[in-house]
Amino acid sequence: MSPLRVAFQGERGAYSEQAALALFGADIEPVPCQSFDLVFEQVESGECDHGAVPIENSLAGSIHRNLDLLLQHDLYIVAEHNLRVSHCLIAAPGVAESDITRVYSHPQALAQCEYSLRDLGKVQAIAALDTAGSVKLIQENGWRDAAGIASERAAELYGMEILRREFEDEKTNYTRFIGLSREAITAADDAKTSIAFAGKNVPGLLFKCLSAFALRDIDLTKIESRPIRGVPWEYIFYLDFDGSMSQQHCRRALDQLQEMATFVRVFGSYVRATAGWTHDA
């Protein structure tokens, strides 16, 4: 039996590949993609069985591109995983920190290591398409005055050397990834449900829509708005809540929401990820 093909954005060794393995198992065939758009296309077309994409970061917030792509494609969320993102400063074997004049990585990774980069002195921070890709770029070009910011796995895959571990400024740096599929599932226990909805821009609309959940003591874990293309000042609302569409009180909340909204879409009810972090006493 062939392994599941799981699409992710970036090169081998990317954090998205780590998330794909955590979401769908160690026996999958990870399929690198150049863009988030291509990940969604590969899954929807059937070229891949599943996809793994980041949806929000604990420091930088939501990845808006993937929120938009969820609406544009006929796919479902079937799992989630909170990945601890721990960056490494990586260079070719034998290169010292004092040799580095350029540091490459994804813009978000560069931003998450802003103060650590200052510690290196006068180095140029250069944006790359992804974290692991920056390490691959340095390895392929044989650069000995450059370093990349990526995962420990990326250093291992490309035969590079880790100069510093935990290079990120904030150690509680987590990214929430979601697993995508063409088929929906409905988890019953310890579930989270993700939806999107829109309505006419009238006073009190959002309050009325959210009251459908408040009246049933349904905990809302996330709400975000995104503009509707072609309709200025109209918005789509993305909502995550604790509970499953297999539960009667959640179904009734959606029924009430549909009476007030002009559009409602359920992305899926899936097993909620463990927090993945602890709070100091």
C-alpha atoms as a PDB file:
ATOM      1  CA  MET A   1       0.000   0.000   0.000  1.00  0.00           C
ATOM      2  CA  SER A   2       1.387   3.368  -1.026  1.00  0.00           C
ATOM      3  CA  PRO A   3       2.036   5.905   1.755  1.00  0.00           C
ATOM      4  CA  LEU A   4      -0.211   8.947   2.076  1.00  0.00           C
ATOM      5  CA  ARG A   5       1.075  11.888   0.054  1.00  0.00           C
ATOM      6  CA  VAL A   6       0.944  15.052   2.154  1.00  0.00           C
ATOM      7  CA  ALA A   7       1.631  18.450   0.590  1.00  0.00           C
ATOM      8  CA  PHE A   8       3.391  21.220   2.526  1.00  0.00           C
ATOM      9  CA  GLN A   9       4.886  24.597   1.627  1.00  0.00           C
ATOM     10  CA  GLY A  10       8.671  24.821   1.555  1.00  0.00           C
ATOM     11  CA  GLU A  11      11.678  22.580   1.114  1.00  0.00           C
ATOM     12  CA  ARG A  12      12.389  19.329   2.968  1.00  0.00           C
ATOM     13  CA  GLY A  13      13.228  20.187   6.569  1.00  0.00           C
ATOM     14  CA  ALA A  14      10.690  23.017   6.778  1.00  0.00           C
ATOM     15  CA  TYR A  15       8.585  23.407   9.896  1.00  0.00           C
ATOM     16  CA  SER A  16       5.572  22.588   7.739  1.00  0.00           C
ATOM     17  CA  GLU A  17       7.105  19.185   6.995  1.00  0.00           C
ATOM     18  CA  GLN A  18       7.505  18.572  10.733  1.00  0.00           C
ATOM     19  CA  ALA A  19       3.856  19.481  11.182  1.00  0.00           C
ATOM     20  CA  ALA A  20       2.795  17.155   8.343  1.00  0.00           C
ATOM     21  CA  LEU A  21       4.566  14.257  10.074  1.00  0.00           C
ATOM     22  CA  ALA A  22       2.909  15.132  13.391  1.00  0.00           C
ATOM     23  CA  LEU A  23      -0.533  15.464  11.795  1.00  0.00           C
ATOM     24  CA  PHE A  24      -0.558  12.366   9.573  1.00  0.00           C
ATOM     25  CA  GLY A  25       2.173  10.045  10.870  1.00  0.00           C
ATOM     26  CA  ALA A  26       5.801   9.175  10.252  1.00  0.00           C
ATOM     27  CA  ASP A  27       5.027   6.875   7.298  1.00  0.00           C
ATOM     28  CA  ILE A  28       3.711   9.585   4.955  1.00  0.00           C
ATOM     29  CA  GLU A  29       5.377  10.791   1.768  1.00  0.00           C
ATOM     30  CA  PRO A  30       5.950  14.543   2.312  1.00  0.00           C
ATOM     31  CA  VAL A  31       5.477  16.536  -0.907  1.00  0.00           C
ATOM     32  CA  PRO A  32       7.244  19.943  -0.990  1.00  0.00           C
ATOM     33  CA  CYS A  33       5.363  22.816  -2.690  1.00  0.00           C
ATOM     34  CA  GLN A  34       6.600  26.279  -3.617  1.00  0.00           C
ATOM     35  CA  SER A  35       3.520  28.093  -2.291  1.00  0.00           C
ATOM     36  CA  PHE A  36       0.498  27.733  -0.041  1.00  0.00           C
ATOM     37  CA  ASP A  37      -1.685  28.037  -3.147  1.00  0.00           C
ATOM     38  CA  LEU A  38      -0.041  24.960  -4.618  1.00  0.00           C
ATOM     39  CA  VAL A  39      -0.607  22.967  -1.406  1.00  0.00           C
ATOM     40  CA  PHE A  40      -4.360  23.585  -1.639  1.00  0.00           C
ATOM     41  CA  GLU A  41      -4.371  22.836  -5.386  1.00  0.00           C
ATOM     42  CA  GLN A  42      -2.474  19.555  -4.939  1.00  0.00           C
ATOM     43  CA  VAL A  43      -4.966  18.302  -2.354  1.00  0.00           C
ATOM     44  CA  GLU A  44      -8.098  19.475  -4.158  1.00  0.00           C
ATOM     45  CA  SER A  45      -6.955  17.938  -7.459  1.00  0.00           C
ATOM     46  CA  GLY A  46      -6.201  14.584  -5.835  1.00  0.00           C
ATOM     47  CA  GLU A  47      -2.461  14.751  -6.551  1.00  0.00           C
ATOM     48  CA  CYS A  48      -1.965  14.565  -2.777  1.00  0.00           C
ATOM     49  CA  ASP A  49      -4.106  12.910  -0.132  1.00  0.00           C
ATOM     50  CA  HIS A  50      -3.735  15.653   2.451  1.00  0.00           C
ATOM     51  CA  GLY A  51      -2.090  18.981   3.092  1.00  0.00           C
ATOM     52  CA  ALA A  52      -0.518  20.683   6.099  1.00  0.00           C
ATOM     53  CA  VAL A  53      -0.487  24.477   6.368  1.00  0.00           C
ATOM     54  CA  PRO A  54       0.121  26.981   9.175  1.00  0.00           C
ATOM     55  CA  ILE A  55      -2.940  28.947  10.207  1.00  0.00           C
ATOM     56  CA  GLU A  56      -1.639  31.126  13.060  1.00  0.00           C
ATOM     57  CA  ASN A  57       1.475  31.883  15.083  1.00  0.00           C
ATOM     58  CA  SER A  58       1.458  32.656  18.803  1.00  0.00           C
ATOM     59  CA  LEU A  59       3.567  35.780  18.205  1.00  0.00           C
ATOM     60  CA  ALA A  60       2.715  36.994  14.697  1.00  0.00           C
ATOM     61  CA  GLY A  61      -0.993  36.081  14.607  1.00  0.00           C
ATOM     62  CA  SER A  62      -2.985  34.585  11.741  1.00  0.00           C
ATOM     63  CA  ILE A  63      -1.601  33.587   8.357  1.00  0.00           C
ATOM     64  CA  HIS A  64      -4.180  35.460   6.330  1.00  0.00           C
ATOM     65  CA  ARG A  65      -3.302  33.861   3.015  1.00  0.00           C
ATOM     66  CA  ASN A  66      -4.364  30.464   4.289  1.00  0.00           C
ATOM     67  CA  LEU A  67      -7.608  31.817   5.750  1.00  0.00           C
ATOM     68  CA  ASP A  68      -8.428  33.170   2.290  1.00  0.00           C
ATOM     69  CA  LEU A  69      -7.437  29.897   0.592  1.00  0.00           C
ATOM     70  CA  LEU A  70      -9.763  27.920   2.880  1.00  0.00           C
ATOM     71  CA  LEU A  71     -12.679  29.822   1.374  1.00  0.00           C
ATOM     72  CA  GLN A  72     -11.437  29.464  -2.196  1.00  0.00           C
ATOM     73  CA  HIS A  73     -11.079  25.668  -2.128  1.00  0.00           C
ATOM     74  CA  ASP A  74     -13.464  22.801  -1.444  1.00  0.00           C
ATOM     75  CA  LEU A  75     -11.413  21.264   1.372  1.00  0.00           C
ATOM     76  CA  TYR A  76     -11.941  20.455   5.038  1.00  0.00           C
ATOM     77  CA  ILE A  77      -9.912  20.751   8.231  1.00  0.00           C
ATOM     78  CA  VAL A  78      -9.435  17.266   9.708  1.00  0.00           C
ATOM     79  CA  ALA A  79      -6.708  17.825  12.333  1.00  0.00           C
ATOM     80  CA  GLU A  80      -4.590  20.450  14.057  1.00  0.00           C
ATOM     81  CA  HIS A  81      -1.177  20.514  15.708  1.00  0.00           C
ATOM     82  CA  ASN A  82       0.634  23.138  17.787  1.00  0.00           C
ATOM     83  CA  LEU A  83       4.287  23.046  16.782  1.00  0.00           C
ATOM     84  CA  ARG A  84       6.986  24.543  18.996  1.00  0.00           C
ATOM     85  CA  VAL A  85       9.108  26.592  16.599  1.00  0.00           C
ATOM     86  CA  SER A  86      12.726  26.634  17.748  1.00  0.00           C
ATOM     87  CA  HIS A  87      15.066  28.320  15.288  1.00  0.00           C
ATOM     88  CA  CYS A  88      18.714  27.441  14.689  1.00  0.00           C
ATOM     89  CA  LEU A  89      21.413  29.610  13.146  1.00  0.00           C
ATOM     90  CA  ILE A  90      22.919  27.357  10.470  1.00  0.00           C
ATOM     91  CA  ALA A  91      25.984  27.671   8.234  1.00  0.00           C
ATOM     92  CA  ALA A  92      28.404  25.503   6.288  1.00  0.00           C
ATOM     93  CA  PRO A  93      30.775  23.285   8.300  1.00  0.00           C
ATOM     94  CA  GLY A  94      33.774  25.219   9.578  1.00  0.00           C
ATOM     95  CA  VAL A  95      32.143  28.647   9.234  1.00  0.00           C
ATOM     96  CA  ALA A  96      32.361  30.816  12.379  1.00  0.00           C
ATOM     97  CA  GLU A  97      29.861  33.422  13.504  1.00  0.00           C
ATOM     98  CA  SER A  98      32.478  36.112  12.848  1.00  0.00           C
ATOM     99  CA  ASP A  99      32.530  35.071   9.158  1.00  0.00           C
ATOM    100  CA  ILE A 100      28.823  35.798   8.637  1.00  0.00           C
ATOM    101  CA  THR A 101      27.774  38.939   6.778  1.00  0.00           C
ATOM    102  CA  ARG A 102      24.352  37.755   5.530  1.00  0.00           C
ATOM    103  CA  VAL A 103      21.510  35.801   7.148  1.00  0.00           C
ATOM    104  CA  TYR A 104      18.741  34.291   5.043  1.00  0.00           C
ATOM    105  CA  SER A 105      15.323  33.019   6.128  1.00  0.00           C
ATOM    106  CA  HIS A 106      11.575  33.442   5.783  1.00  0.00           C
ATOM    107  CA  PRO A 107      10.492  37.004   6.757  1.00  0.00           C
ATOM    108  CA  GLN A 108       8.591  35.735   9.802  1.00  0.00           C
ATOM    109  CA  ALA A 109      11.618  33.802  11.057  1.00  0.00           C
ATOM    110  CA  LEU A 110      13.826  36.873  10.598  1.00  0.00           C
ATOM    111  CA  ALA A 111      11.327  38.939  12.589  1.00  0.00           C
ATOM    112  CA  GLN A 112      11.202  36.302  15.345  1.00  0.00           C
ATOM    113  CA  CYS A 113      15.006  36.486  15.682  1.00  0.00           C
ATOM    114  CA  GLU A 114      15.373  40.268  15.482  1.00  0.00           C
ATOM    115  CA  TYR A 115      17.295  40.761  18.739  1.00  0.00           C
ATOM    116  CA  SER A 116      19.434  37.668  18.264  1.00  0.00           C
ATOM    117  CA  LEU A 117      20.441  38.960  14.836  1.00  0.00           C
ATOM    118  CA  ARG A 118      21.565  42.231  16.404  1.00  0.00           C
ATOM    119  CA  ASP A 119      23.922  40.237  18.619  1.00  0.00           C
ATOM    120  CA  LEU A 120      25.770  39.103  15.482  1.00  0.00           C
ATOM    121  CA  GLY A 121      26.787  42.667  14.685  1.00  0.00           C
ATOM    122  CA  LYS A 122      26.430  44.220  11.253  1.00  0.00           C
ATOM    123  CA  VAL A 123      24.821  41.436   9.225  1.00  0.00           C
ATOM    124  CA  GLN A 124      22.334  41.813   6.395  1.00  0.00           C
ATOM    125  CA  ALA A 125      18.997  40.047   6.903  1.00  0.00           C
ATOM    126  CA  ILE A 126      17.707  38.749   3.544  1.00  0.00           C
ATOM    127  CA  ALA A 127      14.219  37.311   3.023  1.00  0.00           C
ATOM    128  CA  ALA A 128      13.876  33.839   1.471  1.00  0.00           C
ATOM    129  CA  LEU A 129      10.838  31.799   0.426  1.00  0.00           C
ATOM    130  CA  ASP A 130      11.084  29.520   3.454  1.00  0.00           C
ATOM    131  CA  THR A 131      13.350  28.590   6.346  1.00  0.00           C
ATOM    132  CA  ALA A 132      14.710  25.255   5.117  1.00  0.00           C
ATOM    133  CA  GLY A 133      15.056  26.697   1.601  1.00  0.00           C
ATOM    134  CA  SER A 134      17.459  29.323   2.923  1.00  0.00           C
ATOM    135  CA  VAL A 135      19.758  26.583   4.262  1.00  0.00           C
ATOM    136  CA  LYS A 136      19.516  24.660   0.994  1.00  0.00           C
ATOM    137  CA  LEU A 137      20.382  27.856  -0.932  1.00  0.00           C
ATOM    138  CA  ILE A 138      23.516  28.432   1.130  1.00  0.00           C
ATOM    139  CA  GLN A 139      24.583  24.788   0.801  1.00  0.00           C
ATOM    140  CA  GLU A 140      24.069  24.681  -2.976  1.00  0.00           C
ATOM    141  CA  ASN A 141      26.032  27.896  -3.529  1.00  0.00           C
ATOM    142  CA  GLY A 142      28.823  26.984  -1.134  1.00  0.00           C
ATOM    143  CA  TRP A 143      28.598  30.376   0.595  1.00  0.00           C
ATOM    144  CA  ARG A 144      30.910  30.722   3.578  1.00  0.00           C
ATOM    145  CA  ASP A 145      29.867  34.230   4.604  1.00  0.00           C
ATOM    146  CA  ALA A 146      26.159  33.427   4.981  1.00  0.00           C
ATOM    147  CA  ALA A 147      23.896  31.654   7.459  1.00  0.00           C
ATOM    148  CA  GLY A 148      20.276  30.569   7.470  1.00  0.00           C
ATOM    149  CA  ILE A 149      17.640  30.451  10.176  1.00  0.00           C
ATOM    150  CA  ALA A 150      15.782  27.144  10.132  1.00  0.00           C
ATOM    151  CA  SER A 151      15.115  23.931  12.045  1.00  0.00           C
ATOM    152  CA  GLU A 152      17.628  21.435  13.376  1.00  0.00           C
ATOM    153  CA  ARG A 153      16.219  18.932  10.856  1.00  0.00           C
ATOM    154  CA  ALA A 154      17.131  21.297   7.984  1.00  0.00           C
ATOM    155  CA  ALA A 155      20.760  21.346   9.134  1.00  0.00           C
ATOM    156  CA  GLU A 156      20.827  17.545   9.221  1.00  0.00           C
ATOM    157  CA  LEU A 157      19.205  17.144   5.790  1.00  0.00           C
ATOM    158  CA  TYR A 158      21.625  19.503   4.010  1.00  0.00           C
ATOM    159  CA  GLY A 159      24.797  18.534   5.877  1.00  0.00           C
ATOM    160  CA  MET A 160      25.186  21.932   7.525  1.00  0.00           C
ATOM    161  CA  GLU A 161      26.364  23.007  10.978  1.00  0.00           C
ATOM    162  CA  ILE A 162      24.323  24.560  13.782  1.00  0.00           C
ATOM    163  CA  LEU A 163      26.039  27.638  15.210  1.00  0.00           C
ATOM    164  CA  ARG A 164      23.304  28.469  17.726  1.00  0.00           C
ATOM    165  CA  ARG A 165      20.186  26.698  18.929  1.00  0.00           C
ATOM    166  CA  GLU A 166      17.101  28.512  20.284  1.00  0.00           C
ATOM    167  CA  PHE A 167      18.023  31.558  18.200  1.00  0.00           C
ATOM    168  CA  GLU A 168      14.475  32.954  18.464  1.00  0.00           C
ATOM    169  CA  ASP A 169      13.899  35.969  20.740  1.00  0.00           C
ATOM    170  CA  GLU A 170      10.794  34.534  22.409  1.00  0.00           C
ATOM    171  CA  LYS A 171      10.934  30.926  23.550  1.00  0.00           C
ATOM    172  CA  THR A 172       7.128  30.494  23.717  1.00  0.00           C
ATOM    173  CA  ASN A 173       6.933  30.534  19.926  1.00  0.00           C
ATOM    174  CA  TYR A 174       4.280  28.155  18.587  1.00  0.00           C
ATOM    175  CA  THR A 175       2.590  27.775  15.221  1.00  0.00           C
ATOM    176  CA  ARG A 176      -0.798  26.135  14.849  1.00  0.00           C
ATOM    177  CA  PHE A 177      -0.974  23.909  11.770  1.00  0.00           C
ATOM    178  CA  ILE A 178      -4.088  22.379  10.248  1.00  0.00           C
ATOM    179  CA  GLY A 179      -4.470  19.186   8.223  1.00  0.00           C
ATOM    180  CA  LEU A 180      -6.473  19.449   4.996  1.00  0.00           C
ATOM    181  CA  SER A 181      -8.510  16.785   3.218  1.00  0.00           C
ATOM    182  CA  ARG A 182     -11.102  16.446   0.461  1.00  0.00           C
ATOM    183  CA  GLU A 183     -13.328  14.458   2.830  1.00  0.00           C
ATOM    184  CA  ALA A 184     -14.763  15.865   6.053  1.00  0.00           C
ATOM    185  CA  ILE A 185     -14.637  14.108   9.382  1.00  0.00           C
ATOM    186  CA  THR A 186     -16.706  14.847  12.492  1.00  0.00           C
ATOM    187  CA  ALA A 187     -14.786  14.236  15.686  1.00  0.00           C
ATOM    188  CA  ALA A 188     -17.081  13.722  18.667  1.00  0.00           C
ATOM    189  CA  ASP A 189     -14.764  13.981  21.680  1.00  0.00           C
ATOM    190  CA  ASP A 190     -12.586  16.929  22.711  1.00  0.00           C
ATOM    191  CA  ALA A 191     -13.374  18.593  19.395  1.00  0.00           C
ATOM    192  CA  LYS A 192     -12.968  22.031  17.897  1.00  0.00           C
ATOM    193  CA  THR A 193     -15.062  23.343  15.005  1.00  0.00           C
ATOM    194  CA  SER A 194     -13.992  25.992  12.472  1.00  0.00           C
ATOM    195  CA  ILE A 195     -16.502  27.997  10.445  1.00  0.00           C
ATOM    196  CA  ALA A 196     -16.798  31.152   8.371  1.00  0.00           C
ATOM    197  CA  PHE A 197     -19.844  33.380   8.070  1.00  0.00           C
ATOM    198  CA  ALA A 198     -20.940  36.710   6.631  1.00  0.00           C
ATOM    199  CA  GLY A 199     -24.018  38.907   6.838  1.00  0.00           C
ATOM    200  CA  LYS A 200     -25.415  42.273   5.842  1.00  0.00           C
ATOM    201  CA  ASN A 201     -23.546  45.181   7.395  1.00  0.00           C
ATOM    202  CA  VAL A 202     -26.246  46.306   9.813  1.00  0.00           C
ATOM    203  CA  PRO A 203     -25.948  47.516  13.428  1.00  0.00           C
ATOM    204  CA  GLY A 204     -25.630  44.706  15.917  1.00  0.00           C
ATOM    205  CA  LEU A 205     -25.067  41.932  13.353  1.00  0.00           C
ATOM    206  CA  LEU A 206     -21.931  40.488  14.948  1.00  0.00           C
ATOM    207  CA  PHE A 207     -23.423  40.685  18.456  1.00  0.00           C
ATOM    208  CA  LYS A 208     -26.528  38.838  17.305  1.00  0.00           C
ATOM    209  CA  CYS A 209     -24.520  36.168  15.473  1.00  0.00           C
ATOM    210  CA  LEU A 210     -22.248  35.508  18.422  1.00  0.00           C
ATOM    211  CA  SER A 211     -25.208  35.343  20.792  1.00  0.00           C
ATOM    212  CA  ALA A 212     -26.129  32.018  19.149  1.00  0.00           C
ATOM    213  CA  PHE A 213     -23.051  30.577  20.855  1.00  0.00           C
ATOM    214  CA  ALA A 214     -23.176  32.574  24.090  1.00  0.00           C
ATOM    215  CA  LEU A 215     -26.753  31.446  24.822  1.00  0.00           C
ATOM    216  CA  ARG A 216     -25.535  27.826  24.726  1.00  0.00           C
ATOM    217  CA  ASP A 217     -22.320  28.399  26.721  1.00  0.00           C
ATOM    218  CA  ILE A 218     -20.167  27.486  23.731  1.00  0.00           C
ATOM    219  CA  ASP A 219     -16.602  28.702  24.194  1.00  0.00           C
ATOM    220  CA  LEU A 220     -15.280  30.750  21.252  1.00  0.00           C
ATOM    221  CA  THR A 221     -11.530  30.196  20.943  1.00  0.00           C
ATOM    222  CA  LYS A 222     -10.840  32.522  17.999  1.00  0.00           C
ATOM    223  CA  ILE A 223     -12.614  35.110  15.871  1.00  0.00           C
ATOM    224  CA  GLU A 224     -11.161  37.099  13.007  1.00  0.00           C
ATOM    225  CA  SER A 225     -12.483  39.161  10.127  1.00  0.00           C
ATOM    226  CA  ARG A 226     -11.238  39.336   6.548  1.00  0.00           C
ATOM    227  CA  PRO A 227     -12.457  41.744   3.819  1.00  0.00           C
ATOM    228  CA  ILE A 228     -14.696  40.383   1.079  1.00  0.00           C
ATOM    229  CA  ARG A 229     -13.068  40.956  -2.312  1.00  0.00           C
ATOM    230  CA  GLY A 230     -15.016  43.286  -4.564  1.00  0.00           C
ATOM    231  CA  VAL A 231     -17.304  44.484  -1.768  1.00  0.00           C
ATOM    232  CA  PRO A 232     -15.663  47.375   0.138  1.00  0.00           C
ATOM    233  CA  TRP A 233     -16.193  47.398   3.901  1.00  0.00           C
ATOM    234  CA  GLU A 234     -17.944  44.028   3.968  1.00  0.00           C
ATOM    235  CA  TYR A 235     -16.314  41.193   5.903  1.00  0.00           C
ATOM    236  CA  ILE A 236     -16.120  37.426   6.311  1.00  0.00           C
ATOM    237  CA  PHE A 237     -15.794  36.294   9.922  1.00  0.00           C
ATOM    238  CA  TYR A 238     -13.733  33.219  10.796  1.00  0.00           C
ATOM    239  CA  LEU A 239     -14.694  31.516  14.025  1.00  0.00           C
ATOM    240  CA  ASP A 240     -13.310  28.584  16.047  1.00  0.00           C
ATOM    241  CA  PHE A 241     -15.305  27.158  18.927  1.00  0.00           C
ATOM    242  CA  ASP A 242     -15.040  24.251  21.331  1.00  0.00           C
ATOM    243  CA  GLY A 243     -17.459  21.508  20.366  1.00  0.00           C
ATOM    244  CA  SER A 244     -18.488  19.295  17.483  1.00  0.00           C
ATOM    245  CA  MET A 245     -21.207  19.333  14.854  1.00  0.00           C
ATOM    246  CA  SER A 246     -22.120  15.907  16.233  1.00  0.00           C
ATOM    247  CA  GLN A 247     -23.406  17.698  19.370  1.00  0.00           C
ATOM    248  CA  GLN A 248     -26.969  18.975  19.391  1.00  0.00           C
ATOM    249  CA  HIS A 249     -26.246  22.318  21.079  1.00  0.00           C
ATOM    250  CA  CYS A 250     -23.574  23.111  18.450  1.00  0.00           C
ATOM    251  CA  ARG A 251     -25.919  22.228  15.587  1.00  0.00           C
ATOM    252  CA  ARG A 252     -28.626  24.442  17.085  1.00  0.00           C
ATOM    253  CA  ALA A 253     -26.158  27.313  17.390  1.00  0.00           C
ATOM    254  CA  LEU A 254     -25.351  26.950  13.676  1.00  0.00           C
ATOM    255  CA  ASP A 255     -29.068  26.801  12.842  1.00  0.00           C
ATOM    256  CA  GLN A 256     -29.613  30.077  14.683  1.00  0.00           C
ATOM    257  CA  LEU A 257     -26.558  31.645  13.028  1.00  0.00           C
ATOM    258  CA  GLN A 258     -27.880  30.700   9.579  1.00  0.00           C
ATOM    259  CA  GLU A 259     -31.099  32.596  10.311  1.00  0.00           C
ATOM    260  CA  MET A 260     -29.117  35.833  10.693  1.00  0.00           C
ATOM    261  CA  ALA A 261     -26.165  35.347   8.306  1.00  0.00           C
ATOM    262  CA  THR A 262     -26.210  35.414   4.519  1.00  0.00           C
ATOM    263  CA  PHE A 263     -23.410  32.855   4.296  1.00  0.00           C
ATOM    264  CA  VAL A 264     -22.195  30.080   6.625  1.00  0.00           C
ATOM    265  CA  ARG A 265     -19.565  27.454   5.885  1.00  0.00           C
ATOM    266  CA  VAL A 266     -18.320  24.718   8.205  1.00  0.00           C
ATOM    267  CA  PHE A 267     -14.677  23.771   7.601  1.00  0.00           C
ATOM    268  CA  GLY A 268     -14.804  20.807   9.951  1.00  0.00           C
ATOM    269  CA  SER A 269     -15.017  19.397  13.478  1.00  0.00           C
ATOM    270  CA  TYR A 270     -11.699  17.817  14.439  1.00  0.00           C
ATOM    271  CA  VAL A 271      -9.819  16.715  17.540  1.00  0.00           C
ATOM    272  CA  ARG A 272      -8.480  19.726  19.394  1.00  0.00           C
ATOM    273  CA  ALA A 273      -4.698  19.838  19.733  1.00  0.00           C
ATOM    274  CA  THR A 274      -3.092  19.829  23.152  1.00  0.00           C
ATOM    275  CA  ALA A 275      -1.888  23.266  24.143  1.00  0.00           C
ATOM    276  CA  GLY A 276       1.759  22.253  23.690  1.00  0.00           C
ATOM    277  CA  TRP A 277       3.051  24.704  26.256  1.00  0.00           C
ATOM    278  CA  THR A 278       3.072  25.212  29.991  1.00  0.00           C
ATOM    279  CA  HIS A 279       2.767  28.324  32.136  1.00  0.00           C
ATOM    280  CA  ASP A 280       5.247  29.036  34.889  1.00  0.00           C
ATOM    281  CA  ALA A 281       3.771  29.085  38.378  1.00  0.00           C
END
